[in-house]
Amino acid sequence: MATELEKRHELTEVYKELDQSGLIFLASGNISIRHEDGMLISPTGASADKIAPEHFIFCNFDGTCPDGGKPSSEWSMHAAIYASSPSTQAVVHTHSDNCVAVSCTNQPLPPFHYMIAAFGGGDVRCTPYVTYGSPELGRAAVEALQGRNSCLLGNHGMISHGTSLRKTYNLALRLEILCRQYIQARQAGEVVMMQPHEIDIAIERYKTYQIA
């Protein structure tokens, strides 16, 4: 099991990668890892060029931070996901360009490509708009994530959760790529959606497919 210091270093590395891959800009994103009875989460206003292991804040799921510091404004959404999913070990939230664009339609990302199955179902759900940083947003995200590892947040962005920080980062990157491809497909012409039985087969195959 990773030590707290190892978790802090991994959080720093992945936060910088999110910036380098274009998934976050300025302070528009936050990440966390489950730790003890709470989580280690990026601080409010974190920038990738200045973030360091010691900047990540230990936060209980009620929002209290025993060691001080100010956690991300979205701490309650992270806490709600951890509370609803005991297997979740990491959460990644971004405002990546194409996820934001699709989220502003307030519609799910539909089964236009078989890799939609990587997110756990026949689409990637989208919540309605809910005020950022609010407990209500956490509840909306938890509902949209039922049976899924990722969802879009209406007029906001996206969020993923998984069994490791690396896997969760990869989900966020994969969702951004698929949202970009969906936008491009719509520009190319009428998009032909996969049939229910076709996406069901893909979902079954993904159950035994090891996603990095």
N, C-alpha and C. Protein backbone atom coordinates (compact mmCIF):
# COMPACT_ATOMS: atom_id res chain seq x y z
N MET A 1 0.85 -1.20 0.00
CA MET A 1 0.00 0.00 0.00
C MET A 1 0.88 1.25 0.00
N ALA A 2 0.53 2.22 -0.81
CA ALA A 2 1.33 3.43 -0.93
C ALA A 2 1.31 4.25 0.34
N THR A 3 2.45 4.86 0.66
CA THR A 3 2.52 5.75 1.81
C THR A 3 1.91 7.11 1.45
N GLU A 4 1.68 7.93 2.44
CA GLU A 4 1.15 9.27 2.17
C GLU A 4 2.09 10.06 1.27
N LEU A 5 3.39 9.96 1.51
CA LEU A 5 4.34 10.70 0.69
C LEU A 5 4.30 10.22 -0.76
N GLU A 6 4.20 8.92 -0.95
CA GLU A 6 4.11 8.38 -2.31
C GLU A 6 2.84 8.87 -3.01
N LYS A 7 1.75 8.93 -2.28
CA LYS A 7 0.49 9.44 -2.85
C LYS A 7 0.63 10.90 -3.23
N ARG A 8 1.28 11.66 -2.40
CA ARG A 8 1.47 13.08 -2.69
C ARG A 8 2.31 13.29 -3.95
N HIS A 9 3.35 12.49 -4.10
CA HIS A 9 4.19 12.59 -5.29
C HIS A 9 3.41 12.18 -6.53
N GLU A 10 2.60 11.13 -6.43
CA GLU A 10 1.80 10.70 -7.58
C GLU A 10 0.78 11.77 -7.95
N LEU A 11 0.14 12.37 -6.97
CA LEU A 11 -0.81 13.44 -7.24
C LEU A 11 -0.14 14.60 -7.97
N THR A 12 1.06 14.97 -7.53
CA THR A 12 1.79 16.06 -8.17
C THR A 12 2.12 15.73 -9.61
N GLU A 13 2.59 14.51 -9.85
CA GLU A 13 2.95 14.08 -11.20
C GLU A 13 1.73 14.10 -12.13
N VAL A 14 0.61 13.55 -11.65
CA VAL A 14 -0.58 13.47 -12.50
C VAL A 14 -1.18 14.86 -12.72
N TYR A 15 -1.14 15.72 -11.71
CA TYR A 15 -1.67 17.08 -11.88
C TYR A 15 -0.90 17.80 -12.99
N LYS A 16 0.42 17.64 -12.99
CA LYS A 16 1.24 18.26 -14.03
C LYS A 16 0.93 17.65 -15.40
N GLU A 17 0.70 16.33 -15.45
CA GLU A 17 0.36 15.68 -16.72
C GLU A 17 -0.99 16.16 -17.25
N LEU A 18 -1.93 16.41 -16.36
CA LEU A 18 -3.22 16.93 -16.79
C LEU A 18 -3.05 18.27 -17.49
N ASP A 19 -2.15 19.09 -16.96
CA ASP A 19 -1.86 20.38 -17.58
C ASP A 19 -1.16 20.20 -18.92
N GLN A 20 -0.16 19.33 -18.95
CA GLN A 20 0.61 19.12 -20.17
C GLN A 20 -0.23 18.54 -21.29
N SER A 21 -1.22 17.72 -20.94
CA SER A 21 -2.09 17.11 -21.95
C SER A 21 -3.26 18.00 -22.33
N GLY A 22 -3.36 19.18 -21.73
CA GLY A 22 -4.40 20.13 -22.07
C GLY A 22 -5.74 19.88 -21.41
N LEU A 23 -5.78 19.01 -20.40
CA LEU A 23 -7.05 18.71 -19.75
C LEU A 23 -7.42 19.74 -18.69
N ILE A 24 -6.42 20.45 -18.17
CA ILE A 24 -6.71 21.55 -17.24
C ILE A 24 -5.92 22.77 -17.70
N PHE A 25 -6.38 23.94 -17.29
CA PHE A 25 -5.65 25.18 -17.56
C PHE A 25 -5.85 26.09 -16.36
N LEU A 26 -4.82 26.88 -16.06
CA LEU A 26 -4.84 27.70 -14.86
C LEU A 26 -5.21 26.82 -13.67
N ALA A 27 -6.33 27.06 -13.01
CA ALA A 27 -6.71 26.24 -11.85
C ALA A 27 -8.03 25.52 -12.10
N SER A 28 -8.32 25.22 -13.35
CA SER A 28 -9.65 24.67 -13.70
C SER A 28 -9.67 23.15 -13.68
N GLY A 29 -9.42 22.59 -12.54
CA GLY A 29 -9.48 21.14 -12.39
C GLY A 29 -9.00 20.75 -11.01
N ASN A 30 -9.33 19.55 -10.57
CA ASN A 30 -8.89 19.10 -9.26
C ASN A 30 -8.85 17.58 -9.23
N ILE A 31 -7.97 17.05 -8.43
CA ILE A 31 -7.79 15.60 -8.32
C ILE A 31 -7.64 15.21 -6.86
N SER A 32 -7.90 13.93 -6.59
CA SER A 32 -7.76 13.46 -5.22
C SER A 32 -7.48 11.96 -5.20
N ILE A 33 -6.95 11.51 -4.07
CA ILE A 33 -6.73 10.10 -3.78
C ILE A 33 -7.33 9.81 -2.41
N ARG A 34 -8.01 8.67 -2.29
CA ARG A 34 -8.52 8.26 -0.97
C ARG A 34 -7.32 8.03 -0.04
N HIS A 35 -7.43 8.52 1.18
CA HIS A 35 -6.35 8.35 2.15
C HIS A 35 -6.94 8.24 3.55
N GLU A 36 -6.62 7.12 4.23
CA GLU A 36 -7.15 6.84 5.56
C GLU A 36 -8.68 7.01 5.53
N ASP A 37 -9.23 7.85 6.39
CA ASP A 37 -10.69 8.02 6.42
C ASP A 37 -11.15 9.25 5.65
N GLY A 38 -10.29 9.75 4.77
CA GLY A 38 -10.62 10.93 3.99
C GLY A 38 -9.91 10.89 2.65
N MET A 39 -9.40 12.03 2.24
CA MET A 39 -8.75 12.10 0.92
C MET A 39 -7.65 13.16 0.95
N LEU A 40 -6.69 12.96 0.05
CA LEU A 40 -5.70 13.98 -0.26
C LEU A 40 -6.18 14.65 -1.54
N ILE A 41 -6.39 15.96 -1.52
CA ILE A 41 -6.99 16.66 -2.65
C ILE A 41 -6.20 17.92 -2.98
N SER A 42 -6.23 18.29 -4.24
CA SER A 42 -5.53 19.50 -4.66
C SER A 42 -6.15 20.72 -3.98
N PRO A 43 -5.32 21.72 -3.70
CA PRO A 43 -5.83 22.92 -3.02
C PRO A 43 -6.59 23.83 -3.97
N THR A 44 -7.36 24.72 -3.42
CA THR A 44 -8.06 25.69 -4.25
C THR A 44 -7.05 26.58 -4.96
N GLY A 45 -7.32 26.90 -6.21
CA GLY A 45 -6.44 27.78 -6.97
C GLY A 45 -5.11 27.18 -7.35
N ALA A 46 -5.01 25.84 -7.38
CA ALA A 46 -3.73 25.20 -7.68
C ALA A 46 -3.33 25.42 -9.14
N SER A 47 -2.07 25.74 -9.38
CA SER A 47 -1.55 25.85 -10.74
C SER A 47 -0.47 24.80 -10.94
N ALA A 48 -0.45 24.21 -12.13
CA ALA A 48 0.44 23.08 -12.38
C ALA A 48 1.92 23.46 -12.29
N ASP A 49 2.25 24.69 -12.62
CA ASP A 49 3.67 25.07 -12.61
C ASP A 49 4.22 25.26 -11.20
N LYS A 50 3.31 25.41 -10.23
CA LYS A 50 3.77 25.65 -8.86
C LYS A 50 3.40 24.53 -7.89
N ILE A 51 2.57 23.59 -8.33
CA ILE A 51 2.10 22.55 -7.41
C ILE A 51 3.24 21.67 -6.93
N ALA A 52 3.22 21.29 -5.68
CA ALA A 52 4.24 20.43 -5.07
C ALA A 52 3.55 19.44 -4.14
N PRO A 53 4.22 18.33 -3.81
CA PRO A 53 3.59 17.30 -2.97
C PRO A 53 3.00 17.84 -1.68
N GLU A 54 3.67 18.78 -1.05
CA GLU A 54 3.19 19.28 0.23
C GLU A 54 1.96 20.17 0.11
N HIS A 55 1.60 20.56 -1.11
CA HIS A 55 0.44 21.42 -1.30
C HIS A 55 -0.89 20.67 -1.23
N PHE A 56 -0.86 19.36 -1.46
CA PHE A 56 -2.10 18.59 -1.41
C PHE A 56 -2.58 18.50 0.04
N ILE A 57 -3.88 18.61 0.20
CA ILE A 57 -4.46 18.78 1.52
C ILE A 57 -5.22 17.53 1.96
N PHE A 58 -4.96 17.10 3.19
CA PHE A 58 -5.78 16.01 3.72
C PHE A 58 -7.10 16.59 4.18
N CYS A 59 -8.18 16.01 3.68
CA CYS A 59 -9.51 16.54 3.94
C CYS A 59 -10.43 15.39 4.33
N ASN A 60 -11.13 15.54 5.44
CA ASN A 60 -12.15 14.57 5.80
C ASN A 60 -13.34 14.73 4.86
N PHE A 61 -14.20 13.72 4.83
CA PHE A 61 -15.33 13.77 3.91
C PHE A 61 -16.40 14.79 4.34
N ASP A 62 -16.24 15.36 5.53
CA ASP A 62 -17.16 16.43 5.94
C ASP A 62 -16.57 17.81 5.64
N GLY A 63 -15.40 17.82 4.99
CA GLY A 63 -14.80 19.08 4.60
C GLY A 63 -13.81 19.66 5.58
N THR A 64 -13.65 19.05 6.76
CA THR A 64 -12.68 19.55 7.73
C THR A 64 -11.28 19.11 7.32
N CYS A 65 -10.33 20.00 7.55
CA CYS A 65 -8.92 19.73 7.19
C CYS A 65 -8.08 19.87 8.45
N PRO A 66 -7.78 18.76 9.13
CA PRO A 66 -7.09 18.81 10.43
C PRO A 66 -5.75 19.53 10.40
N ASP A 67 -5.07 19.49 9.25
CA ASP A 67 -3.74 20.09 9.15
C ASP A 67 -3.78 21.48 8.54
N GLY A 68 -4.98 22.01 8.34
CA GLY A 68 -5.11 23.33 7.77
C GLY A 68 -5.11 23.30 6.25
N GLY A 69 -5.18 24.47 5.66
CA GLY A 69 -5.21 24.59 4.22
C GLY A 69 -6.63 24.68 3.68
N LYS A 70 -6.74 25.09 2.42
CA LYS A 70 -8.05 25.25 1.80
C LYS A 70 -8.15 24.30 0.61
N PRO A 71 -8.98 23.27 0.71
CA PRO A 71 -9.08 22.30 -0.38
C PRO A 71 -9.82 22.89 -1.58
N SER A 72 -9.75 22.19 -2.68
CA SER A 72 -10.49 22.59 -3.87
C SER A 72 -11.95 22.89 -3.54
N SER A 73 -12.52 23.83 -4.25
CA SER A 73 -13.93 24.18 -4.03
C SER A 73 -14.86 23.02 -4.34
N GLU A 74 -14.35 22.02 -5.07
CA GLU A 74 -15.17 20.86 -5.42
C GLU A 74 -14.96 19.68 -4.48
N TRP A 75 -14.41 19.94 -3.28
CA TRP A 75 -14.14 18.84 -2.36
C TRP A 75 -15.39 18.01 -2.06
N SER A 76 -16.56 18.67 -1.99
CA SER A 76 -17.78 17.94 -1.62
C SER A 76 -18.20 16.96 -2.70
N MET A 77 -17.91 17.27 -3.97
CA MET A 77 -18.21 16.33 -5.05
C MET A 77 -17.31 15.10 -4.95
N HIS A 78 -16.03 15.32 -4.69
CA HIS A 78 -15.11 14.20 -4.49
C HIS A 78 -15.58 13.35 -3.32
N ALA A 79 -15.91 14.00 -2.20
CA ALA A 79 -16.32 13.26 -1.00
C ALA A 79 -17.57 12.44 -1.26
N ALA A 80 -18.52 13.00 -1.99
CA ALA A 80 -19.76 12.28 -2.27
C ALA A 80 -19.49 11.02 -3.10
N ILE A 81 -18.56 11.11 -4.03
CA ILE A 81 -18.23 9.95 -4.87
C ILE A 81 -17.54 8.87 -4.04
N TYR A 82 -16.59 9.26 -3.20
CA TYR A 82 -15.93 8.27 -2.32
C TYR A 82 -16.95 7.59 -1.40
N ALA A 83 -17.85 8.37 -0.86
CA ALA A 83 -18.84 7.83 0.07
C ALA A 83 -19.78 6.85 -0.62
N SER A 84 -20.08 7.10 -1.87
CA SER A 84 -21.04 6.25 -2.59
C SER A 84 -20.40 5.03 -3.23
N SER A 85 -19.06 5.03 -3.32
CA SER A 85 -18.35 3.95 -4.02
C SER A 85 -17.12 3.54 -3.24
N PRO A 86 -17.24 2.55 -2.36
CA PRO A 86 -16.10 2.13 -1.53
C PRO A 86 -14.88 1.67 -2.32
N SER A 87 -15.08 1.21 -3.56
CA SER A 87 -13.94 0.74 -4.37
C SER A 87 -13.17 1.89 -5.01
N THR A 88 -13.74 3.08 -5.01
CA THR A 88 -13.08 4.22 -5.64
C THR A 88 -11.86 4.65 -4.83
N GLN A 89 -10.73 4.79 -5.53
CA GLN A 89 -9.49 5.20 -4.89
C GLN A 89 -9.00 6.55 -5.38
N ALA A 90 -9.57 7.06 -6.47
CA ALA A 90 -9.12 8.33 -7.01
C ALA A 90 -10.23 9.00 -7.80
N VAL A 91 -10.19 10.32 -7.85
CA VAL A 91 -11.17 11.12 -8.59
C VAL A 91 -10.43 12.19 -9.37
N VAL A 92 -10.83 12.38 -10.63
CA VAL A 92 -10.25 13.42 -11.49
C VAL A 92 -11.38 14.25 -12.08
N HIS A 93 -11.31 15.56 -11.89
CA HIS A 93 -12.32 16.48 -12.44
C HIS A 93 -11.61 17.52 -13.30
N THR A 94 -12.07 17.71 -14.54
CA THR A 94 -11.46 18.70 -15.42
C THR A 94 -12.51 19.54 -16.14
N HIS A 95 -12.03 20.64 -16.71
CA HIS A 95 -12.83 21.48 -17.59
C HIS A 95 -12.23 21.40 -18.99
N SER A 96 -11.86 20.22 -19.43
CA SER A 96 -11.22 20.05 -20.73
C SER A 96 -12.18 20.50 -21.84
N ASP A 97 -11.60 21.08 -22.91
CA ASP A 97 -12.37 21.80 -23.92
C ASP A 97 -13.54 21.03 -24.50
N ASN A 98 -13.29 19.83 -24.99
CA ASN A 98 -14.34 19.10 -25.70
C ASN A 98 -15.38 18.51 -24.75
N CYS A 99 -14.95 18.14 -23.55
CA CYS A 99 -15.93 17.69 -22.55
C CYS A 99 -16.85 18.84 -22.17
N VAL A 100 -16.28 20.03 -22.00
CA VAL A 100 -17.10 21.20 -21.69
C VAL A 100 -18.09 21.46 -22.83
N ALA A 101 -17.59 21.40 -24.07
CA ALA A 101 -18.46 21.67 -25.21
C ALA A 101 -19.66 20.73 -25.24
N VAL A 102 -19.41 19.43 -25.07
CA VAL A 102 -20.51 18.46 -25.09
C VAL A 102 -21.40 18.64 -23.87
N SER A 103 -20.81 18.96 -22.72
CA SER A 103 -21.61 19.13 -21.50
C SER A 103 -22.58 20.30 -21.62
N CYS A 104 -22.25 21.26 -22.46
CA CYS A 104 -23.12 22.43 -22.63
C CYS A 104 -24.37 22.11 -23.45
N THR A 105 -24.43 20.92 -24.03
CA THR A 105 -25.67 20.48 -24.68
C THR A 105 -26.63 19.86 -23.67
N ASN A 106 -26.11 19.55 -22.47
CA ASN A 106 -26.89 18.87 -21.43
C ASN A 106 -27.44 17.53 -21.92
N GLN A 107 -26.74 16.92 -22.87
CA GLN A 107 -27.13 15.63 -23.41
C GLN A 107 -26.01 14.62 -23.15
N PRO A 108 -26.32 13.34 -23.03
CA PRO A 108 -25.26 12.34 -22.86
C PRO A 108 -24.41 12.21 -24.10
N LEU A 109 -23.20 11.74 -23.92
CA LEU A 109 -22.36 11.36 -25.06
C LEU A 109 -22.88 10.00 -25.52
N PRO A 110 -23.44 9.92 -26.74
CA PRO A 110 -24.15 8.71 -27.16
C PRO A 110 -23.20 7.64 -27.71
N PRO A 111 -23.73 6.45 -28.01
CA PRO A 111 -22.90 5.34 -28.50
C PRO A 111 -22.54 5.48 -29.98
N PHE A 112 -21.77 6.51 -30.30
CA PHE A 112 -21.34 6.71 -31.67
C PHE A 112 -20.10 5.88 -31.99
N HIS A 113 -19.43 5.37 -30.96
CA HIS A 113 -18.19 4.61 -31.10
C HIS A 113 -18.17 3.53 -30.02
N TYR A 114 -17.61 2.39 -30.35
CA TYR A 114 -17.65 1.27 -29.39
C TYR A 114 -16.91 1.57 -28.10
N MET A 115 -15.94 2.51 -28.13
CA MET A 115 -15.18 2.79 -26.91
C MET A 115 -15.98 3.51 -25.84
N ILE A 116 -17.20 3.91 -26.16
CA ILE A 116 -18.11 4.41 -25.12
C ILE A 116 -18.27 3.35 -24.03
N ALA A 117 -18.17 2.09 -24.42
CA ALA A 117 -18.32 0.98 -23.47
C ALA A 117 -17.26 1.02 -22.37
N ALA A 118 -16.14 1.69 -22.61
CA ALA A 118 -15.08 1.77 -21.60
C ALA A 118 -15.53 2.50 -20.34
N PHE A 119 -16.63 3.26 -20.45
CA PHE A 119 -17.10 4.04 -19.32
C PHE A 119 -18.21 3.33 -18.54
N GLY A 120 -18.52 2.10 -18.95
CA GLY A 120 -19.40 1.28 -18.14
C GLY A 120 -20.81 1.09 -18.64
N GLY A 121 -21.16 1.72 -19.76
CA GLY A 121 -22.54 1.57 -20.25
C GLY A 121 -22.67 2.02 -21.69
N GLY A 122 -23.91 2.23 -22.11
CA GLY A 122 -24.18 2.57 -23.50
C GLY A 122 -24.08 4.04 -23.81
N ASP A 123 -23.74 4.87 -22.83
CA ASP A 123 -23.52 6.29 -23.05
C ASP A 123 -22.72 6.84 -21.88
N VAL A 124 -22.36 8.10 -21.97
CA VAL A 124 -21.77 8.80 -20.83
C VAL A 124 -22.79 9.85 -20.43
N ARG A 125 -23.39 9.68 -19.28
CA ARG A 125 -24.48 10.56 -18.87
C ARG A 125 -23.98 11.99 -18.62
N CYS A 126 -24.92 12.92 -18.69
CA CYS A 126 -24.63 14.32 -18.41
C CYS A 126 -25.63 14.82 -17.37
N THR A 127 -25.14 15.45 -16.33
CA THR A 127 -26.03 16.04 -15.33
C THR A 127 -26.61 17.34 -15.89
N PRO A 128 -27.70 17.82 -15.33
CA PRO A 128 -28.11 19.20 -15.62
C PRO A 128 -27.10 20.15 -14.97
N TYR A 129 -27.17 21.42 -15.29
CA TYR A 129 -26.28 22.36 -14.61
C TYR A 129 -26.66 22.46 -13.14
N VAL A 130 -25.66 22.37 -12.29
CA VAL A 130 -25.83 22.55 -10.85
C VAL A 130 -24.69 23.46 -10.39
N THR A 131 -24.95 24.37 -9.49
CA THR A 131 -23.95 25.33 -9.03
C THR A 131 -22.67 24.63 -8.60
N TYR A 132 -21.54 25.11 -9.13
CA TYR A 132 -20.26 24.47 -8.81
C TYR A 132 -19.95 24.62 -7.32
N GLY A 133 -19.26 23.61 -6.78
CA GLY A 133 -18.86 23.65 -5.39
C GLY A 133 -19.97 23.37 -4.40
N SER A 134 -21.14 22.99 -4.88
CA SER A 134 -22.28 22.77 -3.99
C SER A 134 -22.47 21.29 -3.69
N PRO A 135 -23.06 20.96 -2.53
CA PRO A 135 -23.39 19.57 -2.24
C PRO A 135 -24.33 18.97 -3.29
N GLU A 136 -25.20 19.82 -3.85
CA GLU A 136 -26.14 19.35 -4.86
C GLU A 136 -25.41 18.83 -6.09
N LEU A 137 -24.29 19.46 -6.45
CA LEU A 137 -23.52 18.98 -7.59
C LEU A 137 -22.96 17.59 -7.30
N GLY A 138 -22.50 17.37 -6.07
CA GLY A 138 -22.02 16.05 -5.69
C GLY A 138 -23.09 15.00 -5.83
N ARG A 139 -24.30 15.32 -5.40
CA ARG A 139 -25.40 14.36 -5.50
C ARG A 139 -25.76 14.09 -6.96
N ALA A 140 -25.72 15.13 -7.78
CA ALA A 140 -26.02 14.95 -9.20
C ALA A 140 -24.96 14.08 -9.88
N ALA A 141 -23.70 14.29 -9.51
CA ALA A 141 -22.62 13.49 -10.09
C ALA A 141 -22.75 12.03 -9.68
N VAL A 142 -23.04 11.78 -8.41
CA VAL A 142 -23.20 10.40 -7.93
C VAL A 142 -24.32 9.70 -8.69
N GLU A 143 -25.41 10.39 -8.93
CA GLU A 143 -26.52 9.79 -9.67
C GLU A 143 -26.12 9.46 -11.10
N ALA A 144 -25.42 10.38 -11.75
CA ALA A 144 -25.00 10.15 -13.14
C ALA A 144 -23.94 9.06 -13.25
N LEU A 145 -23.21 8.83 -12.16
CA LEU A 145 -22.13 7.83 -12.17
C LEU A 145 -22.61 6.43 -11.78
N GLN A 146 -23.88 6.24 -11.52
CA GLN A 146 -24.37 4.90 -11.18
C GLN A 146 -24.05 3.94 -12.33
N GLY A 147 -23.24 2.92 -12.06
CA GLY A 147 -22.86 1.97 -13.09
C GLY A 147 -21.88 2.51 -14.10
N ARG A 148 -21.31 3.68 -13.85
CA ARG A 148 -20.38 4.32 -14.77
C ARG A 148 -19.12 4.76 -14.01
N ASN A 149 -18.03 4.93 -14.74
CA ASN A 149 -16.81 5.45 -14.13
C ASN A 149 -16.55 6.91 -14.49
N SER A 150 -17.39 7.49 -15.34
CA SER A 150 -17.23 8.89 -15.76
C SER A 150 -18.59 9.47 -16.12
N CYS A 151 -18.69 10.79 -16.00
CA CYS A 151 -19.88 11.48 -16.48
C CYS A 151 -19.51 12.90 -16.86
N LEU A 152 -20.39 13.53 -17.62
CA LEU A 152 -20.27 14.94 -17.94
C LEU A 152 -21.09 15.72 -16.92
N LEU A 153 -20.63 16.93 -16.62
CA LEU A 153 -21.32 17.81 -15.67
C LEU A 153 -21.87 18.98 -16.48
N GLY A 154 -23.18 19.12 -16.54
CA GLY A 154 -23.82 20.08 -17.41
C GLY A 154 -23.26 21.49 -17.30
N ASN A 155 -22.89 22.08 -18.46
CA ASN A 155 -22.35 23.44 -18.52
C ASN A 155 -21.16 23.64 -17.59
N HIS A 156 -20.34 22.59 -17.49
CA HIS A 156 -19.27 22.62 -16.49
C HIS A 156 -18.02 21.86 -16.95
N GLY A 157 -18.12 20.55 -17.12
CA GLY A 157 -16.94 19.75 -17.45
C GLY A 157 -17.21 18.27 -17.32
N MET A 158 -16.29 17.57 -16.68
CA MET A 158 -16.41 16.12 -16.54
C MET A 158 -15.81 15.68 -15.21
N ILE A 159 -16.12 14.42 -14.83
CA ILE A 159 -15.49 13.83 -13.66
C ILE A 159 -15.41 12.32 -13.86
N SER A 160 -14.28 11.75 -13.42
CA SER A 160 -14.05 10.30 -13.49
C SER A 160 -13.61 9.81 -12.12
N HIS A 161 -13.89 8.53 -11.86
CA HIS A 161 -13.39 7.91 -10.64
C HIS A 161 -12.93 6.50 -10.97
N GLY A 162 -11.95 5.99 -10.20
CA GLY A 162 -11.43 4.67 -10.52
C GLY A 162 -10.64 4.06 -9.38
N THR A 163 -10.04 2.92 -9.65
CA THR A 163 -9.33 2.16 -8.62
C THR A 163 -7.88 2.59 -8.47
N SER A 164 -7.42 3.50 -9.31
CA SER A 164 -6.09 4.09 -9.15
C SER A 164 -6.10 5.46 -9.81
N LEU A 165 -5.17 6.29 -9.41
CA LEU A 165 -5.11 7.63 -9.98
C LEU A 165 -4.72 7.57 -11.45
N ARG A 166 -3.80 6.68 -11.80
CA ARG A 166 -3.37 6.56 -13.19
C ARG A 166 -4.53 6.13 -14.08
N LYS A 167 -5.29 5.13 -13.66
CA LYS A 167 -6.44 4.68 -14.45
C LYS A 167 -7.49 5.79 -14.58
N THR A 168 -7.65 6.56 -13.52
CA THR A 168 -8.66 7.62 -13.54
C THR A 168 -8.22 8.75 -14.46
N TYR A 169 -6.95 9.07 -14.44
CA TYR A 169 -6.41 10.05 -15.40
C TYR A 169 -6.65 9.58 -16.83
N ASN A 170 -6.39 8.31 -17.10
CA ASN A 170 -6.58 7.78 -18.44
C ASN A 170 -8.05 7.85 -18.87
N LEU A 171 -8.97 7.64 -17.94
CA LEU A 171 -10.39 7.77 -18.25
C LEU A 171 -10.72 9.20 -18.67
N ALA A 172 -10.18 10.17 -17.93
CA ALA A 172 -10.43 11.57 -18.25
C ALA A 172 -9.88 11.92 -19.62
N LEU A 173 -8.70 11.42 -19.94
CA LEU A 173 -8.10 11.67 -21.25
C LEU A 173 -8.90 10.99 -22.35
N ARG A 174 -9.33 9.75 -22.11
CA ARG A 174 -10.10 9.01 -23.11
C ARG A 174 -11.44 9.71 -23.38
N LEU A 175 -12.08 10.23 -22.32
CA LEU A 175 -13.35 10.91 -22.51
C LEU A 175 -13.18 12.20 -23.30
N GLU A 176 -12.13 12.93 -23.04
CA GLU A 176 -11.87 14.15 -23.80
C GLU A 176 -11.67 13.83 -25.28
N ILE A 177 -10.92 12.79 -25.58
CA ILE A 177 -10.69 12.40 -26.97
C ILE A 177 -11.99 12.00 -27.65
N LEU A 178 -12.82 11.21 -26.98
CA LEU A 178 -14.08 10.77 -27.57
C LEU A 178 -15.04 11.94 -27.77
N CYS A 179 -15.06 12.89 -26.84
CA CYS A 179 -15.90 14.06 -27.03
C CYS A 179 -15.43 14.85 -28.25
N ARG A 180 -14.12 14.97 -28.42
CA ARG A 180 -13.59 15.67 -29.61
C ARG A 180 -13.99 14.93 -30.89
N GLN A 181 -13.86 13.61 -30.88
CA GLN A 181 -14.22 12.83 -32.06
C GLN A 181 -15.71 12.92 -32.37
N TYR A 182 -16.54 12.98 -31.32
CA TYR A 182 -17.99 13.11 -31.53
C TYR A 182 -18.32 14.45 -32.17
N ILE A 183 -17.70 15.50 -31.69
CA ILE A 183 -17.92 16.82 -32.28
C ILE A 183 -17.49 16.82 -33.75
N GLN A 184 -16.34 16.19 -34.04
CA GLN A 184 -15.86 16.12 -35.42
C GLN A 184 -16.79 15.28 -36.29
N ALA A 185 -17.31 14.19 -35.73
CA ALA A 185 -18.23 13.33 -36.49
C ALA A 185 -19.50 14.09 -36.85
N ARG A 186 -20.00 14.90 -35.92
CA ARG A 186 -21.20 15.67 -36.20
C ARG A 186 -20.95 16.71 -37.29
N GLN A 187 -19.73 17.24 -37.33
CA GLN A 187 -19.38 18.20 -38.37
C GLN A 187 -19.26 17.51 -39.73
N ALA A 188 -18.87 16.23 -39.71
CA ALA A 188 -18.68 15.48 -40.96
C ALA A 188 -20.01 15.11 -41.61
N GLY A 189 -21.05 14.97 -40.82
CA GLY A 189 -22.35 14.58 -41.37
C GLY A 189 -23.23 13.95 -40.31
N GLU A 190 -24.27 13.26 -40.74
CA GLU A 190 -25.17 12.61 -39.79
C GLU A 190 -24.45 11.43 -39.14
N VAL A 191 -24.45 11.39 -37.83
CA VAL A 191 -23.72 10.35 -37.10
C VAL A 191 -24.61 9.11 -36.98
N VAL A 192 -24.09 7.97 -37.36
CA VAL A 192 -24.80 6.70 -37.25
C VAL A 192 -24.45 6.09 -35.90
N MET A 193 -25.43 5.93 -35.04
CA MET A 193 -25.20 5.38 -33.72
C MET A 193 -25.16 3.85 -33.76
N MET A 194 -24.41 3.29 -32.83
CA MET A 194 -24.38 1.84 -32.70
C MET A 194 -25.74 1.35 -32.21
N GLN A 195 -26.12 0.16 -32.64
CA GLN A 195 -27.36 -0.45 -32.20
C GLN A 195 -27.19 -0.99 -30.78
N PRO A 196 -28.28 -1.09 -30.02
CA PRO A 196 -28.18 -1.56 -28.63
C PRO A 196 -27.44 -2.88 -28.49
N HIS A 197 -27.71 -3.85 -29.38
CA HIS A 197 -27.03 -5.15 -29.25
C HIS A 197 -25.54 -5.02 -29.53
N GLU A 198 -25.16 -4.07 -30.38
CA GLU A 198 -23.74 -3.87 -30.70
C GLU A 198 -22.99 -3.27 -29.51
N ILE A 199 -23.58 -2.27 -28.87
CA ILE A 199 -22.93 -1.68 -27.72
C ILE A 199 -22.94 -2.64 -26.54
N ASP A 200 -23.97 -3.49 -26.43
CA ASP A 200 -24.00 -4.50 -25.36
C ASP A 200 -22.84 -5.47 -25.49
N ILE A 201 -22.52 -5.86 -26.72
CA ILE A 201 -21.38 -6.75 -26.95
C ILE A 201 -20.08 -6.06 -26.53
N ALA A 202 -19.95 -4.79 -26.90
CA ALA A 202 -18.75 -4.04 -26.52
C ALA A 202 -18.62 -3.92 -25.01
N ILE A 203 -19.75 -3.68 -24.32
CA ILE A 203 -19.72 -3.58 -22.86
C ILE A 203 -19.26 -4.90 -22.24
N GLU A 204 -19.76 -6.01 -22.75
CA GLU A 204 -19.34 -7.32 -22.23
C GLU A 204 -17.85 -7.54 -22.44
N ARG A 205 -17.35 -7.15 -23.60
CA ARG A 205 -15.93 -7.35 -23.88
C ARG A 205 -15.06 -6.48 -22.98
N TYR A 206 -15.54 -5.27 -22.68
CA TYR A 206 -14.76 -4.39 -21.82
C TYR A 206 -14.69 -4.89 -20.38
N LYS A 207 -15.59 -5.78 -19.99
CA LYS A 207 -15.56 -6.32 -18.63
C LYS A 207 -14.30 -7.15 -18.37
N THR A 208 -13.74 -7.71 -19.45
CA THR A 208 -12.53 -8.53 -19.31
C THR A 208 -11.32 -7.87 -19.97
N TYR A 209 -11.52 -6.66 -20.49
CA TYR A 209 -10.44 -5.93 -21.16
C TYR A 209 -9.72 -5.08 -20.12
N GLN A 210 -8.42 -5.23 -20.02
CA GLN A 210 -7.66 -4.49 -19.02
C GLN A 210 -7.33 -3.10 -19.55
N ILE A 211 -8.00 -2.11 -19.01
CA ILE A 211 -7.76 -0.73 -19.43
C ILE A 211 -6.62 -0.16 -18.60
N ALA A 212 -5.65 0.39 -19.28
CA ALA A 212 -4.47 0.94 -18.58
C ALA A 212 -4.86 2.11 -17.71
